[in-house]
Amino acid sequence: MLAFLRDANTSASVIQIINLLDKVLGRETVPCNRTKVFYCDPSAPYQKGACEVNHELMRRILPKGSSFDDLTQEDIFLMMDHINSYKRKS
């Protein structure tokens, strides 16, 4: 799972991150849609799978109500490195 700090909660900020990933990881030259978005039904956490577990693990590090103001992207990368290396049942 990847996580990125954003200056604003806008579609432009998400596009900026996807553009960065394209630049760093490379992209095929064939024009295509880069992403697909799937929405879960309200009050259906079972549809979110591992995402919910990752959210719980993130909240162990950054409890609800804690400020993200002093965090850097390096802090977020480190947090996700720890979360992604956490052993879980298959």
N, C-alpha and C. Protein backbone atom coordinates (compact mmCIF):
# COMPACT_ATOMS: atom_id res chain seq x y z
N MET A 1 0.85 -1.16 0.00
CA MET A 1 0.00 0.00 0.00
C MET A 1 0.90 1.23 0.00
N LEU A 2 0.49 2.23 -0.76
CA LEU A 2 1.22 3.50 -0.83
C LEU A 2 0.41 4.58 -0.13
N ALA A 3 1.10 5.57 0.40
CA ALA A 3 0.43 6.72 1.01
C ALA A 3 1.25 7.96 0.70
N PHE A 4 0.56 9.04 0.43
CA PHE A 4 1.22 10.30 0.09
C PHE A 4 0.55 11.45 0.83
N LEU A 5 1.38 12.38 1.30
CA LEU A 5 0.86 13.62 1.86
C LEU A 5 0.43 14.51 0.70
N ARG A 6 -0.68 15.22 0.89
CA ARG A 6 -1.15 16.16 -0.13
C ARG A 6 -1.40 17.49 0.54
N ASP A 7 -1.14 18.57 -0.21
CA ASP A 7 -1.38 19.92 0.32
C ASP A 7 -2.86 20.25 0.39
N ALA A 8 -3.65 19.64 -0.50
CA ALA A 8 -5.08 19.92 -0.55
C ALA A 8 -5.81 18.63 -0.89
N ASN A 9 -7.06 18.56 -0.52
CA ASN A 9 -7.88 17.39 -0.82
C ASN A 9 -8.64 17.65 -2.12
N THR A 10 -7.90 17.64 -3.22
CA THR A 10 -8.48 17.94 -4.53
C THR A 10 -8.10 16.85 -5.53
N SER A 11 -8.86 16.80 -6.61
CA SER A 11 -8.52 15.85 -7.67
C SER A 11 -7.18 16.20 -8.29
N ALA A 12 -6.85 17.48 -8.36
CA ALA A 12 -5.57 17.91 -8.92
C ALA A 12 -4.40 17.36 -8.10
N SER A 13 -4.55 17.29 -6.79
CA SER A 13 -3.47 16.77 -5.95
C SER A 13 -3.27 15.27 -6.18
N VAL A 14 -4.36 14.56 -6.46
CA VAL A 14 -4.26 13.12 -6.76
C VAL A 14 -3.61 12.93 -8.13
N ILE A 15 -4.01 13.72 -9.10
CA ILE A 15 -3.41 13.64 -10.44
C ILE A 15 -1.92 13.93 -10.38
N GLN A 16 -1.54 14.88 -9.55
CA GLN A 16 -0.12 15.21 -9.39
C GLN A 16 0.67 13.99 -8.90
N ILE A 17 0.12 13.26 -7.95
CA ILE A 17 0.78 12.06 -7.43
C ILE A 17 0.84 10.96 -8.48
N ILE A 18 -0.25 10.77 -9.22
CA ILE A 18 -0.25 9.76 -10.28
C ILE A 18 0.76 10.12 -11.35
N ASN A 19 0.86 11.40 -11.69
CA ASN A 19 1.88 11.84 -12.66
C ASN A 19 3.28 11.56 -12.15
N LEU A 20 3.50 11.79 -10.86
CA LEU A 20 4.80 11.49 -10.27
C LEU A 20 5.12 10.00 -10.36
N LEU A 21 4.14 9.16 -10.04
CA LEU A 21 4.34 7.71 -10.13
C LEU A 21 4.64 7.29 -11.57
N ASP A 22 3.93 7.89 -12.53
CA ASP A 22 4.21 7.61 -13.94
C ASP A 22 5.65 7.95 -14.28
N LYS A 23 6.10 9.10 -13.81
CA LYS A 23 7.45 9.56 -14.12
C LYS A 23 8.50 8.64 -13.49
N VAL A 24 8.29 8.27 -12.24
CA VAL A 24 9.27 7.45 -11.52
C VAL A 24 9.25 6.00 -12.00
N LEU A 25 8.07 5.43 -12.18
CA LEU A 25 7.94 4.02 -12.52
C LEU A 25 7.94 3.76 -14.02
N GLY A 26 7.65 4.78 -14.79
CA GLY A 26 7.54 4.63 -16.24
C GLY A 26 6.14 4.19 -16.61
N ARG A 27 5.81 4.41 -17.88
CA ARG A 27 4.47 4.05 -18.36
C ARG A 27 4.59 3.63 -19.81
N GLU A 28 3.79 2.68 -20.20
CA GLU A 28 3.79 2.26 -21.59
C GLU A 28 3.35 3.42 -22.47
N THR A 29 3.78 3.43 -23.71
CA THR A 29 3.46 4.54 -24.61
C THR A 29 2.07 4.45 -25.19
N VAL A 30 1.39 3.33 -25.00
CA VAL A 30 0.02 3.19 -25.50
C VAL A 30 -0.92 4.00 -24.62
N PRO A 31 -1.69 4.93 -25.23
CA PRO A 31 -2.62 5.72 -24.41
C PRO A 31 -3.68 4.83 -23.78
N CYS A 32 -3.92 5.01 -22.51
CA CYS A 32 -4.94 4.23 -21.82
C CYS A 32 -5.32 4.94 -20.52
N ASN A 33 -6.37 4.45 -19.91
CA ASN A 33 -6.71 4.96 -18.58
C ASN A 33 -5.68 4.45 -17.61
N ARG A 34 -5.20 5.33 -16.72
CA ARG A 34 -4.14 4.94 -15.80
C ARG A 34 -4.66 4.27 -14.56
N THR A 35 -5.86 4.59 -14.17
CA THR A 35 -6.39 4.03 -12.93
C THR A 35 -7.86 3.68 -13.09
N LYS A 36 -8.32 2.85 -12.20
CA LYS A 36 -9.74 2.54 -12.09
C LYS A 36 -10.12 2.82 -10.65
N VAL A 37 -11.26 3.41 -10.44
CA VAL A 37 -11.72 3.75 -9.10
C VAL A 37 -12.92 2.87 -8.77
N PHE A 38 -12.85 2.25 -7.60
CA PHE A 38 -13.94 1.42 -7.13
C PHE A 38 -14.42 1.97 -5.79
N TYR A 39 -15.70 2.07 -5.64
CA TYR A 39 -16.28 2.56 -4.40
C TYR A 39 -16.97 1.41 -3.68
N CYS A 40 -16.82 1.38 -2.38
CA CYS A 40 -17.50 0.38 -1.56
C CYS A 40 -18.86 0.93 -1.15
N ASP A 41 -19.75 0.03 -0.87
CA ASP A 41 -21.05 0.44 -0.37
C ASP A 41 -20.90 1.01 1.04
N PRO A 42 -21.73 2.00 1.41
CA PRO A 42 -21.67 2.54 2.78
C PRO A 42 -21.92 1.44 3.80
N SER A 43 -21.25 1.53 4.92
CA SER A 43 -21.40 0.57 6.03
C SER A 43 -21.14 -0.87 5.60
N ALA A 44 -20.16 -1.04 4.69
CA ALA A 44 -19.80 -2.39 4.25
C ALA A 44 -18.29 -2.56 4.30
N PRO A 45 -17.70 -2.53 5.51
CA PRO A 45 -16.25 -2.63 5.62
C PRO A 45 -15.68 -3.93 5.08
N TYR A 46 -16.49 -4.98 5.01
CA TYR A 46 -16.02 -6.26 4.48
C TYR A 46 -15.64 -6.15 3.00
N GLN A 47 -16.12 -5.12 2.31
CA GLN A 47 -15.77 -4.92 0.90
C GLN A 47 -14.38 -4.27 0.74
N LYS A 48 -13.85 -3.76 1.83
CA LYS A 48 -12.58 -3.03 1.76
C LYS A 48 -11.37 -3.91 2.01
N GLY A 49 -11.57 -5.11 2.46
CA GLY A 49 -10.47 -6.06 2.64
C GLY A 49 -9.32 -5.52 3.47
N ALA A 50 -8.12 -5.66 2.93
CA ALA A 50 -6.89 -5.28 3.65
C ALA A 50 -6.80 -3.79 3.91
N CYS A 51 -7.52 -3.00 3.16
CA CYS A 51 -7.49 -1.55 3.35
C CYS A 51 -7.89 -1.18 4.78
N GLU A 52 -8.91 -1.84 5.30
CA GLU A 52 -9.36 -1.55 6.65
C GLU A 52 -8.30 -1.92 7.69
N VAL A 53 -7.63 -3.05 7.47
CA VAL A 53 -6.57 -3.47 8.39
C VAL A 53 -5.42 -2.46 8.34
N ASN A 54 -5.06 -2.03 7.14
CA ASN A 54 -4.00 -1.02 7.01
C ASN A 54 -4.38 0.27 7.71
N HIS A 55 -5.64 0.65 7.62
CA HIS A 55 -6.10 1.87 8.30
C HIS A 55 -5.95 1.72 9.81
N GLU A 56 -6.30 0.55 10.34
CA GLU A 56 -6.14 0.31 11.78
C GLU A 56 -4.67 0.39 12.18
N LEU A 57 -3.79 -0.18 11.35
CA LEU A 57 -2.36 -0.13 11.65
C LEU A 57 -1.83 1.30 11.57
N MET A 58 -2.32 2.08 10.62
CA MET A 58 -1.91 3.49 10.53
C MET A 58 -2.34 4.25 11.79
N ARG A 59 -3.52 3.93 12.29
CA ARG A 59 -4.03 4.63 13.48
C ARG A 59 -3.28 4.24 14.75
N ARG A 60 -2.58 3.12 14.73
CA ARG A 60 -1.71 2.79 15.87
C ARG A 60 -0.53 3.77 15.92
N ILE A 61 -0.09 4.20 14.75
CA ILE A 61 1.03 5.13 14.65
C ILE A 61 0.56 6.57 14.74
N LEU A 62 -0.54 6.87 14.06
CA LEU A 62 -1.11 8.23 14.04
C LEU A 62 -2.54 8.16 14.58
N PRO A 63 -2.70 8.24 15.91
CA PRO A 63 -4.04 8.13 16.48
C PRO A 63 -4.99 9.20 15.93
N LYS A 64 -6.27 8.87 15.90
CA LYS A 64 -7.29 9.81 15.44
C LYS A 64 -7.17 11.10 16.22
N GLY A 65 -7.23 12.21 15.51
CA GLY A 65 -7.10 13.51 16.15
C GLY A 65 -5.68 14.05 16.15
N SER A 66 -4.69 13.19 15.83
CA SER A 66 -3.31 13.67 15.80
C SER A 66 -3.09 14.52 14.54
N SER A 67 -2.20 15.47 14.64
CA SER A 67 -1.94 16.39 13.53
C SER A 67 -0.94 15.77 12.56
N PHE A 68 -1.17 16.01 11.29
CA PHE A 68 -0.26 15.57 10.24
C PHE A 68 0.64 16.73 9.81
N ASP A 69 0.47 17.89 10.43
CA ASP A 69 1.16 19.11 10.01
C ASP A 69 2.68 18.99 10.01
N ASP A 70 3.25 18.29 10.98
CA ASP A 70 4.71 18.21 11.08
C ASP A 70 5.29 16.97 10.38
N LEU A 71 4.43 16.18 9.73
CA LEU A 71 4.91 14.99 9.05
C LEU A 71 5.52 15.34 7.70
N THR A 72 6.53 14.60 7.32
CA THR A 72 7.12 14.74 5.99
C THR A 72 6.75 13.50 5.18
N GLN A 73 6.97 13.57 3.88
CA GLN A 73 6.71 12.39 3.05
C GLN A 73 7.62 11.24 3.47
N GLU A 74 8.81 11.55 3.92
CA GLU A 74 9.72 10.49 4.41
C GLU A 74 9.11 9.80 5.63
N ASP A 75 8.45 10.54 6.52
CA ASP A 75 7.77 9.94 7.67
C ASP A 75 6.68 8.97 7.19
N ILE A 76 5.94 9.39 6.18
CA ILE A 76 4.86 8.56 5.64
C ILE A 76 5.44 7.30 4.98
N PHE A 77 6.53 7.45 4.21
CA PHE A 77 7.17 6.28 3.61
C PHE A 77 7.62 5.29 4.68
N LEU A 78 8.22 5.79 5.75
CA LEU A 78 8.68 4.92 6.84
C LEU A 78 7.50 4.19 7.49
N MET A 79 6.42 4.92 7.75
CA MET A 79 5.23 4.31 8.34
C MET A 79 4.71 3.20 7.44
N MET A 80 4.61 3.47 6.14
CA MET A 80 4.09 2.46 5.22
C MET A 80 5.04 1.29 5.07
N ASP A 81 6.35 1.54 5.15
CA ASP A 81 7.31 0.43 5.14
C ASP A 81 7.05 -0.52 6.30
N HIS A 82 6.81 0.04 7.47
CA HIS A 82 6.52 -0.78 8.64
C HIS A 82 5.20 -1.53 8.47
N ILE A 83 4.18 -0.84 8.02
CA ILE A 83 2.87 -1.46 7.85
C ILE A 83 2.91 -2.55 6.77
N ASN A 84 3.58 -2.27 5.67
CA ASN A 84 3.66 -3.26 4.58
C ASN A 84 4.48 -4.47 4.93
N SER A 85 5.37 -4.36 5.92
CA SER A 85 6.19 -5.51 6.32
C SER A 85 5.56 -6.30 7.46
N TYR A 86 4.44 -5.83 7.97
CA TYR A 86 3.74 -6.48 9.08
C TYR A 86 3.13 -7.80 8.59
N LYS A 87 3.49 -8.91 9.25
CA LYS A 87 2.95 -10.21 8.85
C LYS A 87 1.47 -10.32 9.20
N ARG A 88 0.72 -10.85 8.26
CA ARG A 88 -0.72 -11.03 8.45
C ARG A 88 -1.14 -12.39 7.90
N LYS A 89 -2.29 -12.83 8.32
CA LYS A 89 -2.82 -14.08 7.77
C LYS A 89 -3.15 -13.86 6.31
N SER A 90 -2.95 -14.87 5.51
CA SER A 90 -3.27 -14.78 4.07
C SER A 90 -4.76 -14.89 3.86
